C-alpha cells in the first residue's frame, strides 16, 4: 500500500535524542527525523510481537480500561519516569479500587508480574496500542477486534527493515 508523503513542521526542543542516535543536531533534518521515527516504530513492532505471546484479550482490555485518560500524562518528552512503573501502578490501583481483575476476568497480580519482566520498548508498544484503542474506541469491538496488534492499526503485516 503506497504511503502519501506529508510535510510537517517539527521543532525539537532537546538535543538529547539526536545525540543518543549519533546525529548532529546542527545538521540533522527531516530525513534523519524520519529515520529515527521508523526505527522507533520498528522497535514498537518487535515488542508487540513479544506482547502477543504473553498478553490475553482480557489483559489488553484491562490495560485499555485502566489507562483511559492517562496517556497524556506520559507525553512529555522531558519526563524520564519509567512508563512501565506507571502502568503497573494504574493496574494495581484499578484492581484494588475498581475491581479491574474481576471486570475483565484477569488475575492482576500475575499480569503485573509479567509486565515487570518487560523492557521499556514493551512499555512503548503497550502504550501505542492503548493510545490507538482510545483514539478509535467507537469503531472497535473489544470482544472481537484484535485492536492491540500492529497489523490491526496499520492494516498490514510487519515491516522488515531493509539492510
N, C-alpha and C. Protein backbone atom coordinates (compact mmCIF):
# COMPACT_ATOMS: atom_id res chain seq x y z
N UNK A 1 0.85 -1.17 0.00
CA UNK A 1 0.00 0.00 0.00
C UNK A 1 0.89 1.24 0.00
N UNK A 2 0.81 2.07 -1.01
CA UNK A 2 1.67 3.25 -1.07
C UNK A 2 1.30 4.24 0.03
N UNK A 3 2.31 4.93 0.51
CA UNK A 3 2.05 5.94 1.52
C UNK A 3 2.14 7.32 0.90
N UNK A 4 1.44 8.21 1.47
CA UNK A 4 1.43 9.59 0.98
C UNK A 4 2.50 10.37 1.73
N UNK A 5 3.36 11.06 1.00
CA UNK A 5 4.35 11.90 1.66
C UNK A 5 3.67 13.15 2.18
N UNK A 6 4.00 13.50 3.40
CA UNK A 6 3.44 14.71 4.00
C UNK A 6 4.57 15.53 4.59
N UNK A 7 4.38 16.80 4.60
CA UNK A 7 5.33 17.69 5.26
C UNK A 7 4.72 18.11 6.59
N UNK A 8 5.55 18.04 7.61
CA UNK A 8 5.11 18.52 8.92
C UNK A 8 6.17 19.47 9.44
N UNK A 9 5.74 20.43 10.21
CA UNK A 9 6.66 21.36 10.85
C UNK A 9 6.98 20.77 12.22
N UNK A 10 8.26 20.63 12.53
CA UNK A 10 8.67 19.98 13.76
C UNK A 10 9.74 20.82 14.44
N UNK A 11 9.51 21.13 15.69
CA UNK A 11 10.51 21.82 16.49
C UNK A 11 11.01 20.84 17.54
N UNK A 12 12.29 20.56 17.52
CA UNK A 12 12.90 19.67 18.51
C UNK A 12 13.52 20.55 19.58
N UNK A 13 13.03 20.42 20.79
CA UNK A 13 13.45 21.31 21.88
C UNK A 13 14.65 20.79 22.65
N UNK A 14 15.04 19.56 22.40
CA UNK A 14 16.11 18.95 23.18
C UNK A 14 17.06 18.24 22.24
N UNK A 15 18.35 18.48 22.38
CA UNK A 15 19.34 17.83 21.53
C UNK A 15 19.58 16.38 21.93
N UNK A 16 19.16 15.98 23.12
CA UNK A 16 19.42 14.65 23.65
C UNK A 16 19.05 13.52 22.68
N UNK A 17 17.83 13.51 22.09
CA UNK A 17 17.51 12.40 21.17
C UNK A 17 18.46 12.31 19.98
N UNK A 18 18.86 13.46 19.46
CA UNK A 18 19.81 13.47 18.35
C UNK A 18 21.14 12.86 18.78
N UNK A 19 21.63 13.31 19.92
CA UNK A 19 22.92 12.84 20.42
C UNK A 19 22.89 11.33 20.69
N UNK A 20 21.81 10.84 21.29
CA UNK A 20 21.70 9.40 21.57
C UNK A 20 21.78 8.59 20.29
N UNK A 21 21.18 9.10 19.23
CA UNK A 21 21.15 8.40 17.94
C UNK A 21 22.40 8.67 17.10
N UNK A 22 23.37 9.39 17.66
CA UNK A 22 24.61 9.65 16.93
C UNK A 22 24.46 10.71 15.86
N UNK A 23 23.46 11.56 15.98
CA UNK A 23 23.21 12.59 14.98
C UNK A 23 23.68 13.95 15.48
N UNK A 24 24.08 14.79 14.58
CA UNK A 24 24.47 16.15 14.91
C UNK A 24 23.23 17.03 14.84
N UNK A 25 22.79 17.59 15.96
CA UNK A 25 21.58 18.41 15.94
C UNK A 25 21.67 19.62 15.00
N UNK A 26 22.87 20.07 14.74
CA UNK A 26 23.04 21.24 13.87
C UNK A 26 22.80 20.90 12.41
N UNK A 27 22.96 19.64 12.02
CA UNK A 27 22.82 19.28 10.61
C UNK A 27 21.69 18.28 10.34
N UNK A 28 21.18 17.64 11.37
CA UNK A 28 20.12 16.65 11.17
C UNK A 28 18.84 17.35 10.70
N UNK A 29 18.18 16.72 9.75
CA UNK A 29 16.97 17.31 9.20
C UNK A 29 15.85 16.30 9.12
N UNK A 30 14.95 16.54 8.18
CA UNK A 30 13.75 15.71 8.04
C UNK A 30 14.09 14.26 7.76
N UNK A 31 15.09 14.02 6.95
CA UNK A 31 15.46 12.64 6.63
C UNK A 31 15.87 11.88 7.89
N UNK A 32 16.67 12.50 8.73
CA UNK A 32 17.14 11.84 9.95
C UNK A 32 16.00 11.66 10.95
N UNK A 33 15.12 12.63 11.05
CA UNK A 33 13.97 12.50 11.95
C UNK A 33 13.05 11.39 11.46
N UNK A 34 12.86 11.31 10.15
CA UNK A 34 12.05 10.23 9.57
C UNK A 34 12.69 8.87 9.85
N UNK A 35 13.99 8.79 9.71
CA UNK A 35 14.72 7.55 10.02
C UNK A 35 14.52 7.16 11.48
N UNK A 36 14.66 8.13 12.39
CA UNK A 36 14.51 7.85 13.82
C UNK A 36 13.10 7.38 14.13
N UNK A 37 12.11 7.99 13.51
CA UNK A 37 10.73 7.58 13.72
C UNK A 37 10.50 6.15 13.22
N UNK A 38 11.09 5.82 12.08
CA UNK A 38 11.00 4.46 11.54
C UNK A 38 11.66 3.46 12.48
N UNK A 39 12.80 3.84 13.04
CA UNK A 39 13.50 2.95 13.98
C UNK A 39 12.65 2.72 15.23
N UNK A 40 12.04 3.77 15.75
CA UNK A 40 11.16 3.62 16.92
C UNK A 40 9.97 2.73 16.58
N UNK A 41 9.37 2.94 15.42
CA UNK A 41 8.23 2.11 15.01
C UNK A 41 8.65 0.65 14.89
N UNK A 42 9.85 0.41 14.41
CA UNK A 42 10.34 -0.96 14.29
C UNK A 42 10.51 -1.61 15.65
N UNK A 43 11.02 -0.86 16.63
CA UNK A 43 11.16 -1.39 17.99
C UNK A 43 9.80 -1.68 18.61
N UNK A 44 8.85 -0.79 18.40
CA UNK A 44 7.49 -0.99 18.90
C UNK A 44 6.87 -2.23 18.26
N UNK A 45 7.10 -2.41 16.98
CA UNK A 45 6.57 -3.57 16.25
C UNK A 45 7.17 -4.87 16.78
N UNK A 46 8.48 -4.90 16.99
CA UNK A 46 9.13 -6.09 17.53
C UNK A 46 8.62 -6.40 18.94
N UNK A 47 8.49 -5.39 19.76
CA UNK A 47 7.99 -5.58 21.13
C UNK A 47 6.54 -6.07 21.11
N UNK A 48 5.76 -5.59 20.16
CA UNK A 48 4.36 -6.02 20.05
C UNK A 48 4.27 -7.52 19.78
N UNK A 49 5.20 -8.04 18.98
CA UNK A 49 5.22 -9.48 18.71
C UNK A 49 5.47 -10.27 19.99
N UNK A 50 6.32 -9.75 20.87
CA UNK A 50 6.55 -10.38 22.17
C UNK A 50 5.29 -10.32 23.04
N UNK A 51 4.64 -9.16 23.05
CA UNK A 51 3.44 -8.98 23.88
C UNK A 51 2.32 -9.92 23.44
N UNK A 52 2.25 -10.20 22.13
CA UNK A 52 1.24 -11.13 21.61
C UNK A 52 1.36 -12.50 22.27
N UNK A 53 2.56 -12.86 22.67
CA UNK A 53 2.80 -14.18 23.24
C UNK A 53 2.42 -14.28 24.71
N UNK A 54 2.34 -13.13 25.40
CA UNK A 54 2.12 -13.20 26.86
C UNK A 54 0.84 -12.54 27.35
N UNK A 55 0.22 -11.68 26.55
CA UNK A 55 -0.98 -10.98 27.00
C UNK A 55 -2.22 -11.54 26.31
N UNK A 56 -3.28 -11.69 27.09
CA UNK A 56 -4.56 -12.18 26.57
C UNK A 56 -5.45 -11.01 26.19
N UNK A 57 -6.55 -11.31 25.53
CA UNK A 57 -7.55 -10.27 25.21
C UNK A 57 -8.01 -9.58 26.50
N UNK A 58 -8.24 -10.36 27.54
CA UNK A 58 -8.65 -9.77 28.82
C UNK A 58 -7.60 -8.83 29.38
N UNK A 59 -6.32 -9.23 29.28
CA UNK A 59 -5.23 -8.36 29.73
C UNK A 59 -5.25 -7.04 28.97
N UNK A 60 -5.36 -7.13 27.64
CA UNK A 60 -5.36 -5.91 26.82
C UNK A 60 -6.55 -5.01 27.16
N UNK A 61 -7.72 -5.60 27.32
CA UNK A 61 -8.90 -4.80 27.65
C UNK A 61 -8.77 -4.17 29.03
N UNK A 62 -8.19 -4.91 29.98
CA UNK A 62 -7.96 -4.35 31.31
C UNK A 62 -6.97 -3.19 31.24
N UNK A 63 -5.91 -3.36 30.45
CA UNK A 63 -4.93 -2.28 30.29
C UNK A 63 -5.57 -1.04 29.67
N UNK A 64 -6.35 -1.23 28.63
CA UNK A 64 -7.01 -0.08 27.99
C UNK A 64 -7.95 0.60 28.98
N UNK A 65 -8.69 -0.20 29.73
CA UNK A 65 -9.65 0.33 30.70
C UNK A 65 -8.93 1.17 31.76
N UNK A 66 -7.90 0.61 32.35
CA UNK A 66 -7.24 1.30 33.45
C UNK A 66 -6.40 2.49 32.99
N UNK A 67 -5.95 2.48 31.74
CA UNK A 67 -5.13 3.59 31.24
C UNK A 67 -5.95 4.67 30.54
N UNK A 68 -7.26 4.53 30.53
CA UNK A 68 -8.13 5.53 29.94
C UNK A 68 -7.89 6.88 30.62
N UNK A 69 -7.50 7.86 29.84
CA UNK A 69 -7.27 9.20 30.37
C UNK A 69 -5.87 9.43 30.92
N UNK A 70 -5.02 8.41 30.89
CA UNK A 70 -3.67 8.54 31.46
C UNK A 70 -2.59 8.80 30.43
N UNK A 71 -2.84 8.50 29.17
CA UNK A 71 -1.77 8.54 28.18
C UNK A 71 -1.15 9.92 28.02
N UNK A 72 -1.95 10.96 28.17
CA UNK A 72 -1.39 12.30 28.02
C UNK A 72 -0.43 12.64 29.17
N UNK A 73 -0.49 11.89 30.27
CA UNK A 73 0.43 12.13 31.37
C UNK A 73 1.86 11.76 31.01
N UNK A 74 2.02 10.88 30.00
CA UNK A 74 3.34 10.39 29.62
C UNK A 74 3.78 10.95 28.29
N UNK A 75 3.17 12.01 27.84
CA UNK A 75 3.50 12.58 26.53
C UNK A 75 4.61 13.62 26.62
N UNK A 76 5.03 13.97 27.81
CA UNK A 76 6.06 14.99 27.98
C UNK A 76 7.43 14.38 27.72
N UNK A 77 8.13 14.84 26.68
CA UNK A 77 9.43 14.25 26.37
C UNK A 77 10.47 14.51 27.46
N UNK A 78 10.23 15.46 28.33
CA UNK A 78 11.17 15.73 29.42
C UNK A 78 11.00 14.80 30.60
N UNK A 79 9.92 14.03 30.63
CA UNK A 79 9.64 13.12 31.73
C UNK A 79 10.40 11.82 31.51
N UNK A 80 11.31 11.51 32.37
CA UNK A 80 12.12 10.30 32.22
C UNK A 80 11.67 9.19 33.19
N UNK A 81 10.47 9.32 33.76
CA UNK A 81 9.97 8.31 34.68
C UNK A 81 9.58 7.08 33.88
N UNK A 82 10.01 5.88 34.30
CA UNK A 82 9.73 4.67 33.51
C UNK A 82 8.23 4.42 33.33
N UNK A 83 7.74 4.39 32.10
CA UNK A 83 6.31 4.20 31.87
C UNK A 83 5.75 2.90 32.46
N UNK A 84 6.53 1.82 32.46
CA UNK A 84 6.00 0.55 32.97
C UNK A 84 5.66 0.65 34.46
N UNK A 85 6.43 1.44 35.20
CA UNK A 85 6.14 1.64 36.62
C UNK A 85 4.76 2.29 36.77
N UNK A 86 4.47 3.27 35.93
CA UNK A 86 3.18 3.95 35.98
C UNK A 86 2.05 3.03 35.52
N UNK A 87 2.31 2.23 34.49
CA UNK A 87 1.30 1.29 34.00
C UNK A 87 0.93 0.31 35.11
N UNK A 88 1.94 -0.23 35.77
CA UNK A 88 1.72 -1.19 36.85
C UNK A 88 0.95 -0.55 38.00
N UNK A 89 1.31 0.66 38.36
CA UNK A 89 0.59 1.36 39.44
C UNK A 89 -0.88 1.55 39.08
N UNK A 90 -1.15 1.92 37.83
CA UNK A 90 -2.54 2.08 37.39
C UNK A 90 -3.31 0.76 37.47
N UNK A 91 -2.65 -0.33 37.06
CA UNK A 91 -3.30 -1.65 37.12
C UNK A 91 -3.62 -2.03 38.57
N UNK A 92 -2.65 -1.87 39.44
CA UNK A 92 -2.85 -2.24 40.84
C UNK A 92 -3.95 -1.40 41.49
N UNK A 93 -3.93 -0.09 41.23
CA UNK A 93 -4.99 0.77 41.76
C UNK A 93 -6.34 0.41 41.16
N UNK A 94 -6.37 0.16 39.85
CA UNK A 94 -7.63 -0.20 39.19
C UNK A 94 -8.22 -1.48 39.76
N UNK A 95 -7.37 -2.42 40.09
CA UNK A 95 -7.85 -3.68 40.65
C UNK A 95 -8.34 -3.47 42.08
N UNK A 96 -7.53 -2.80 42.89
CA UNK A 96 -7.86 -2.60 44.30
C UNK A 96 -9.09 -1.69 44.48
N UNK A 97 -9.17 -0.64 43.71
CA UNK A 97 -10.22 0.34 43.90
C UNK A 97 -11.48 0.09 43.08
N UNK A 98 -11.33 -0.54 41.90
CA UNK A 98 -12.46 -0.67 40.98
C UNK A 98 -12.75 -2.10 40.52
N UNK A 99 -12.07 -3.08 41.09
CA UNK A 99 -12.34 -4.46 40.71
C UNK A 99 -11.99 -4.77 39.26
N UNK A 100 -10.89 -4.19 38.76
CA UNK A 100 -10.49 -4.35 37.37
C UNK A 100 -10.33 -5.82 36.97
N UNK A 101 -9.67 -6.60 37.82
CA UNK A 101 -9.43 -8.00 37.50
C UNK A 101 -10.71 -8.79 37.34
N UNK A 102 -11.64 -8.54 38.24
CA UNK A 102 -12.94 -9.23 38.16
C UNK A 102 -13.71 -8.80 36.92
N UNK A 103 -13.67 -7.52 36.62
CA UNK A 103 -14.40 -6.99 35.46
C UNK A 103 -13.94 -7.66 34.17
N UNK A 104 -12.62 -7.86 34.01
CA UNK A 104 -12.07 -8.38 32.76
C UNK A 104 -11.61 -9.83 32.87
N UNK A 105 -11.91 -10.46 34.01
CA UNK A 105 -11.51 -11.86 34.25
C UNK A 105 -10.00 -12.02 34.07
N UNK A 106 -9.26 -11.16 34.77
CA UNK A 106 -7.80 -11.13 34.70
C UNK A 106 -7.25 -11.25 36.11
N UNK A 107 -6.22 -12.05 36.28
CA UNK A 107 -5.51 -12.14 37.55
C UNK A 107 -4.45 -11.04 37.54
N UNK A 108 -4.79 -9.89 38.11
CA UNK A 108 -3.94 -8.71 38.01
C UNK A 108 -2.54 -8.94 38.60
N UNK A 109 -2.40 -9.61 39.75
CA UNK A 109 -1.03 -9.84 40.24
C UNK A 109 -0.16 -10.61 39.25
N UNK A 110 -0.72 -11.58 38.54
CA UNK A 110 0.04 -12.32 37.52
C UNK A 110 0.39 -11.40 36.35
N UNK A 111 -0.56 -10.57 35.92
CA UNK A 111 -0.31 -9.62 34.84
C UNK A 111 0.80 -8.66 35.23
N UNK A 112 0.75 -8.15 36.45
CA UNK A 112 1.78 -7.24 36.95
C UNK A 112 3.14 -7.93 36.98
N UNK A 113 3.18 -9.17 37.44
CA UNK A 113 4.44 -9.92 37.48
C UNK A 113 5.02 -10.07 36.07
N UNK A 114 4.18 -10.34 35.09
CA UNK A 114 4.64 -10.46 33.70
C UNK A 114 5.16 -9.12 33.18
N UNK A 115 4.45 -8.04 33.48
CA UNK A 115 4.87 -6.72 32.99
C UNK A 115 6.19 -6.28 33.60
N UNK A 116 6.45 -6.67 34.83
CA UNK A 116 7.71 -6.28 35.50
C UNK A 116 8.93 -6.87 34.80
N UNK A 117 8.75 -7.93 34.02
CA UNK A 117 9.85 -8.58 33.32
C UNK A 117 10.16 -7.94 31.97
N UNK A 118 9.34 -6.98 31.55
CA UNK A 118 9.45 -6.43 30.21
C UNK A 118 10.32 -5.18 30.15
N UNK A 119 10.70 -4.85 28.93
CA UNK A 119 11.61 -3.72 28.67
C UNK A 119 10.83 -2.42 28.43
N UNK A 120 11.55 -1.30 28.41
CA UNK A 120 10.91 -0.04 28.03
C UNK A 120 10.31 -0.08 26.62
N UNK A 121 10.90 -0.85 25.71
CA UNK A 121 10.32 -0.97 24.36
C UNK A 121 8.94 -1.63 24.44
N UNK A 122 8.79 -2.59 25.33
CA UNK A 122 7.48 -3.22 25.51
C UNK A 122 6.48 -2.22 26.07
N UNK A 123 6.92 -1.38 27.00
CA UNK A 123 6.03 -0.35 27.54
C UNK A 123 5.60 0.61 26.44
N UNK A 124 6.53 1.00 25.58
CA UNK A 124 6.19 1.90 24.47
C UNK A 124 5.20 1.24 23.54
N UNK A 125 5.38 -0.04 23.28
CA UNK A 125 4.47 -0.78 22.40
C UNK A 125 3.08 -0.87 23.02
N UNK A 126 3.05 -1.16 24.29
CA UNK A 126 1.78 -1.25 25.02
C UNK A 126 1.04 0.09 24.98
N UNK A 127 1.77 1.16 25.24
CA UNK A 127 1.14 2.49 25.24
C UNK A 127 0.67 2.88 23.83
N UNK A 128 1.42 2.49 22.80
CA UNK A 128 0.98 2.79 21.43
C UNK A 128 -0.33 2.09 21.12
N UNK A 129 -0.45 0.83 21.55
CA UNK A 129 -1.68 0.08 21.31
C UNK A 129 -2.86 0.70 22.05
N UNK A 130 -2.65 1.04 23.30
CA UNK A 130 -3.73 1.62 24.10
C UNK A 130 -4.10 3.01 23.57
N UNK A 131 -3.12 3.78 23.15
CA UNK A 131 -3.42 5.08 22.54
C UNK A 131 -4.30 4.90 21.31
N UNK A 132 -3.95 3.93 20.47
CA UNK A 132 -4.75 3.64 19.28
C UNK A 132 -6.17 3.26 19.68
N UNK A 133 -6.29 2.41 20.69
CA UNK A 133 -7.62 1.99 21.13
C UNK A 133 -8.47 3.21 21.49
N UNK A 134 -7.96 4.09 22.32
CA UNK A 134 -8.78 5.22 22.78
C UNK A 134 -9.03 6.25 21.69
N UNK A 135 -8.13 6.35 20.72
CA UNK A 135 -8.37 7.27 19.60
C UNK A 135 -9.40 6.71 18.62
N UNK A 136 -9.67 5.39 18.71
CA UNK A 136 -10.58 4.74 17.76
C UNK A 136 -11.63 3.87 18.44
N UNK A 137 -11.84 4.04 19.73
CA UNK A 137 -12.68 3.11 20.51
C UNK A 137 -14.12 2.99 20.01
N UNK A 138 -14.63 4.03 19.41
CA UNK A 138 -16.02 3.96 18.95
C UNK A 138 -16.19 3.01 17.77
N UNK A 139 -15.11 2.74 17.04
CA UNK A 139 -15.16 1.84 15.88
C UNK A 139 -14.63 0.44 16.21
N UNK A 140 -14.21 0.22 17.46
CA UNK A 140 -13.59 -1.05 17.84
C UNK A 140 -14.55 -1.87 18.68
N UNK A 141 -14.66 -3.14 18.36
CA UNK A 141 -15.41 -4.09 19.18
C UNK A 141 -14.37 -4.83 20.02
N UNK A 142 -14.25 -4.47 21.29
CA UNK A 142 -13.19 -5.03 22.14
C UNK A 142 -13.34 -6.53 22.39
N UNK A 143 -14.52 -7.08 22.08
CA UNK A 143 -14.74 -8.52 22.26
C UNK A 143 -14.34 -9.31 21.01
N UNK A 144 -14.18 -8.65 19.88
CA UNK A 144 -13.88 -9.33 18.62
C UNK A 144 -12.56 -8.85 18.00
N UNK A 145 -12.40 -7.55 17.90
CA UNK A 145 -11.24 -6.98 17.22
C UNK A 145 -9.95 -7.19 18.01
N UNK A 146 -8.88 -7.50 17.33
CA UNK A 146 -7.56 -7.60 17.95
C UNK A 146 -6.86 -6.25 17.82
N UNK A 147 -7.43 -5.26 18.48
CA UNK A 147 -7.04 -3.87 18.35
C UNK A 147 -5.61 -3.60 18.81
N UNK A 148 -5.03 -4.44 19.63
CA UNK A 148 -3.69 -4.24 20.16
C UNK A 148 -2.60 -4.63 19.15
N UNK A 149 -2.97 -5.32 18.10
CA UNK A 149 -1.97 -5.79 17.13
C UNK A 149 -1.58 -4.68 16.16
N UNK A 150 -0.30 -4.62 15.87
CA UNK A 150 0.20 -3.63 14.91
C UNK A 150 -0.51 -3.80 13.57
N UNK A 151 -0.72 -5.04 13.16
CA UNK A 151 -1.38 -5.28 11.87
C UNK A 151 -2.81 -4.75 11.86
N UNK A 152 -3.47 -4.69 13.01
CA UNK A 152 -4.82 -4.13 13.06
C UNK A 152 -4.78 -2.62 12.83
N UNK A 153 -3.85 -1.94 13.48
CA UNK A 153 -3.82 -0.48 13.34
C UNK A 153 -3.14 0.00 12.06
N UNK A 154 -2.31 -0.85 11.45
CA UNK A 154 -1.67 -0.46 10.20
C UNK A 154 -2.33 -1.08 8.98
N UNK A 155 -3.18 -2.06 9.22
CA UNK A 155 -3.87 -2.80 8.16
C UNK A 155 -2.89 -3.54 7.25
N UNK A 156 -1.74 -3.92 7.83
CA UNK A 156 -0.78 -4.72 7.07
C UNK A 156 0.11 -5.49 8.04
N UNK A 157 0.83 -6.47 7.51
CA UNK A 157 1.74 -7.27 8.31
C UNK A 157 2.99 -6.49 8.65
N UNK A 158 3.82 -7.08 9.46
CA UNK A 158 5.05 -6.44 9.92
C UNK A 158 5.91 -5.99 8.76
N UNK A 159 6.63 -4.91 8.99
CA UNK A 159 7.58 -4.38 8.02
C UNK A 159 8.97 -4.86 8.41
N UNK A 160 9.66 -5.46 7.50
CA UNK A 160 11.04 -5.89 7.77
C UNK A 160 11.99 -4.78 7.34
N UNK A 161 12.97 -4.51 8.18
CA UNK A 161 13.96 -3.49 7.83
C UNK A 161 14.83 -3.98 6.69
N UNK A 162 15.10 -3.09 5.77
CA UNK A 162 15.98 -3.41 4.65
C UNK A 162 17.41 -3.06 5.05
N UNK A 163 18.38 -3.95 4.72
CA UNK A 163 19.78 -3.66 5.07
C UNK A 163 20.30 -2.43 4.32
